[in-house]
Amino acid sequence: MGLYDKYARLAGERLQFSDNGLTPFGTCIDEVYSATEGRIGNKKVILAGTNNYLGLTFNH
């Protein structure tokens, strides 16, 4: 088994999403309310995966 063989299935699944215009890695945050809250589309969301868990990059 080659180094990348175990990831071939995962890469194929990712291509299915990107072929349809969907990408979980390029989600646009439309508005940031605070260091932990924002809006994506019409939905208010918790910003837990933005590497801003300490709130150091938010200046309002």
N, C-alpha and C. Protein backbone atom coordinates (compact mmCIF):
# COMPACT_ATOMS: atom_id res chain seq x y z
N MET A 1 0.85 -1.18 0.00
CA MET A 1 0.00 0.00 0.00
C MET A 1 0.89 1.24 0.00
N GLY A 2 0.63 2.14 -0.93
CA GLY A 2 1.38 3.38 -1.00
C GLY A 2 0.94 4.36 0.07
N LEU A 3 1.70 5.40 0.19
CA LEU A 3 1.45 6.40 1.22
C LEU A 3 0.07 7.05 1.09
N TYR A 4 -0.37 7.33 -0.13
CA TYR A 4 -1.63 8.03 -0.34
C TYR A 4 -2.81 7.11 -0.61
N ASP A 5 -2.58 5.82 -0.70
CA ASP A 5 -3.66 4.88 -1.02
C ASP A 5 -4.78 4.91 0.01
N LYS A 6 -4.43 5.06 1.28
CA LYS A 6 -5.47 5.04 2.31
C LYS A 6 -6.35 6.29 2.27
N TYR A 7 -5.91 7.32 1.56
CA TYR A 7 -6.70 8.55 1.46
C TYR A 7 -7.45 8.67 0.14
N ALA A 8 -7.35 7.68 -0.73
CA ALA A 8 -7.99 7.74 -2.05
C ALA A 8 -9.51 7.85 -1.93
N ARG A 9 -10.12 7.10 -1.03
CA ARG A 9 -11.57 7.15 -0.85
C ARG A 9 -12.00 8.54 -0.36
N LEU A 10 -11.28 9.07 0.60
CA LEU A 10 -11.59 10.40 1.13
C LEU A 10 -11.44 11.48 0.05
N ALA A 11 -10.41 11.38 -0.75
CA ALA A 11 -10.21 12.35 -1.84
C ALA A 11 -11.36 12.27 -2.84
N GLY A 12 -11.83 11.06 -3.13
CA GLY A 12 -12.96 10.89 -4.04
C GLY A 12 -14.23 11.52 -3.49
N GLU A 13 -14.47 11.36 -2.20
CA GLU A 13 -15.65 11.97 -1.57
C GLU A 13 -15.56 13.49 -1.61
N ARG A 14 -14.38 14.02 -1.39
CA ARG A 14 -14.19 15.48 -1.44
C ARG A 14 -14.45 16.00 -2.85
N LEU A 15 -14.03 15.28 -3.85
CA LEU A 15 -14.26 15.70 -5.23
C LEU A 15 -15.75 15.74 -5.56
N GLN A 16 -16.52 14.84 -4.98
CA GLN A 16 -17.97 14.86 -5.21
C GLN A 16 -18.58 16.17 -4.72
N PHE A 17 -18.10 16.66 -3.59
CA PHE A 17 -18.60 17.93 -3.06
C PHE A 17 -18.15 19.10 -3.92
N SER A 18 -16.86 19.13 -4.26
CA SER A 18 -16.35 20.27 -5.01
C SER A 18 -16.90 20.31 -6.43
N ASP A 19 -17.23 19.16 -7.01
CA ASP A 19 -17.85 19.14 -8.34
C ASP A 19 -19.24 19.78 -8.32
N ASN A 20 -19.89 19.76 -7.16
CA ASN A 20 -21.22 20.36 -7.01
C ASN A 20 -21.16 21.80 -6.49
N GLY A 21 -19.95 22.35 -6.38
CA GLY A 21 -19.79 23.72 -5.91
C GLY A 21 -19.80 23.86 -4.40
N LEU A 22 -19.75 22.76 -3.67
CA LEU A 22 -19.75 22.79 -2.21
C LEU A 22 -18.34 22.54 -1.69
N THR A 23 -17.91 23.33 -0.75
CA THR A 23 -16.61 23.10 -0.13
C THR A 23 -16.66 23.50 1.34
N PRO A 24 -16.43 22.57 2.25
CA PRO A 24 -16.46 22.92 3.68
C PRO A 24 -15.25 23.75 4.08
N PHE A 25 -14.21 23.80 3.25
CA PHE A 25 -13.00 24.52 3.59
C PHE A 25 -13.01 25.96 3.09
N GLY A 26 -14.00 26.33 2.30
CA GLY A 26 -14.06 27.68 1.76
C GLY A 26 -15.35 28.38 2.11
N THR A 27 -15.92 28.07 3.26
CA THR A 27 -17.17 28.68 3.67
C THR A 27 -16.95 30.16 3.99
N CYS A 28 -17.78 31.00 3.42
CA CYS A 28 -17.67 32.44 3.63
C CYS A 28 -18.52 32.85 4.83
N ILE A 29 -17.90 33.50 5.78
CA ILE A 29 -18.63 34.05 6.93
C ILE A 29 -19.09 35.44 6.52
N ASP A 30 -20.40 35.61 6.40
CA ASP A 30 -20.96 36.86 5.89
C ASP A 30 -20.82 38.02 6.86
N GLU A 31 -20.96 37.75 8.14
CA GLU A 31 -20.87 38.82 9.13
C GLU A 31 -20.36 38.23 10.43
N VAL A 32 -19.48 38.95 11.11
CA VAL A 32 -18.95 38.52 12.40
C VAL A 32 -19.50 39.46 13.46
N TYR A 33 -20.24 38.89 14.43
CA TYR A 33 -20.85 39.69 15.49
C TYR A 33 -19.91 39.87 16.68
N SER A 34 -19.16 38.83 16.99
CA SER A 34 -18.24 38.86 18.12
C SER A 34 -17.14 37.85 17.84
N ALA A 35 -16.29 37.62 18.81
CA ALA A 35 -15.21 36.65 18.64
C ALA A 35 -15.73 35.23 18.49
N THR A 36 -16.96 34.98 18.92
CA THR A 36 -17.49 33.61 18.89
C THR A 36 -18.79 33.46 18.12
N GLU A 37 -19.36 34.54 17.61
CA GLU A 37 -20.64 34.46 16.89
C GLU A 37 -20.54 35.16 15.54
N GLY A 38 -21.23 34.57 14.57
CA GLY A 38 -21.25 35.16 13.24
C GLY A 38 -22.48 34.72 12.48
N ARG A 39 -22.53 35.10 11.20
CA ARG A 39 -23.65 34.74 10.34
C ARG A 39 -23.11 34.17 9.04
N ILE A 40 -23.62 33.00 8.67
CA ILE A 40 -23.33 32.38 7.39
C ILE A 40 -24.67 32.24 6.68
N GLY A 41 -24.82 32.99 5.59
CA GLY A 41 -26.13 33.03 4.92
C GLY A 41 -27.13 33.70 5.82
N ASN A 42 -28.23 33.03 6.09
CA ASN A 42 -29.27 33.56 6.98
C ASN A 42 -29.23 32.91 8.35
N LYS A 43 -28.17 32.20 8.65
CA LYS A 43 -28.11 31.43 9.89
C LYS A 43 -27.04 32.00 10.83
N LYS A 44 -27.43 32.27 12.08
CA LYS A 44 -26.50 32.70 13.11
C LYS A 44 -25.74 31.46 13.59
N VAL A 45 -24.41 31.54 13.64
CA VAL A 45 -23.59 30.37 13.96
C VAL A 45 -22.57 30.71 15.04
N ILE A 46 -22.07 29.67 15.68
CA ILE A 46 -20.98 29.79 16.63
C ILE A 46 -19.68 29.59 15.86
N LEU A 47 -18.73 30.49 16.03
CA LEU A 47 -17.45 30.41 15.33
C LEU A 47 -16.47 29.63 16.20
N ALA A 48 -16.51 28.32 16.08
CA ALA A 48 -15.65 27.48 16.90
C ALA A 48 -14.43 26.99 16.14
N GLY A 49 -14.45 27.01 14.83
CA GLY A 49 -13.35 26.47 14.05
C GLY A 49 -12.57 27.51 13.30
N THR A 50 -12.52 28.73 13.79
CA THR A 50 -11.84 29.81 13.07
C THR A 50 -10.45 30.09 13.62
N ASN A 51 -9.96 29.25 14.52
CA ASN A 51 -8.67 29.46 15.19
C ASN A 51 -8.63 30.80 15.91
N ASN A 52 -9.78 31.26 16.34
CA ASN A 52 -9.90 32.52 17.07
C ASN A 52 -10.56 32.27 18.42
N TYR A 53 -10.26 31.14 19.02
CA TYR A 53 -10.94 30.75 20.24
C TYR A 53 -10.64 31.66 21.42
N LEU A 54 -9.58 32.45 21.36
CA LEU A 54 -9.29 33.41 22.43
C LEU A 54 -9.89 34.78 22.14
N GLY A 55 -10.40 34.98 20.94
CA GLY A 55 -10.99 36.26 20.59
C GLY A 55 -9.99 37.36 20.31
N LEU A 56 -8.76 37.00 20.02
CA LEU A 56 -7.72 38.00 19.84
C LEU A 56 -7.76 38.71 18.50
N THR A 57 -8.47 38.16 17.52
CA THR A 57 -8.49 38.79 16.20
C THR A 57 -9.75 39.60 15.96
N PHE A 58 -10.61 39.70 16.94
CA PHE A 58 -11.85 40.46 16.79
C PHE A 58 -11.69 41.82 17.43
N ASN A 59 -11.91 42.87 16.65
CA ASN A 59 -11.83 44.23 17.16
C ASN A 59 -13.06 44.98 16.67
N HIS A 60 -13.95 45.31 17.59
CA HIS A 60 -15.20 45.94 17.18
C HIS A 60 -15.31 47.33 17.72
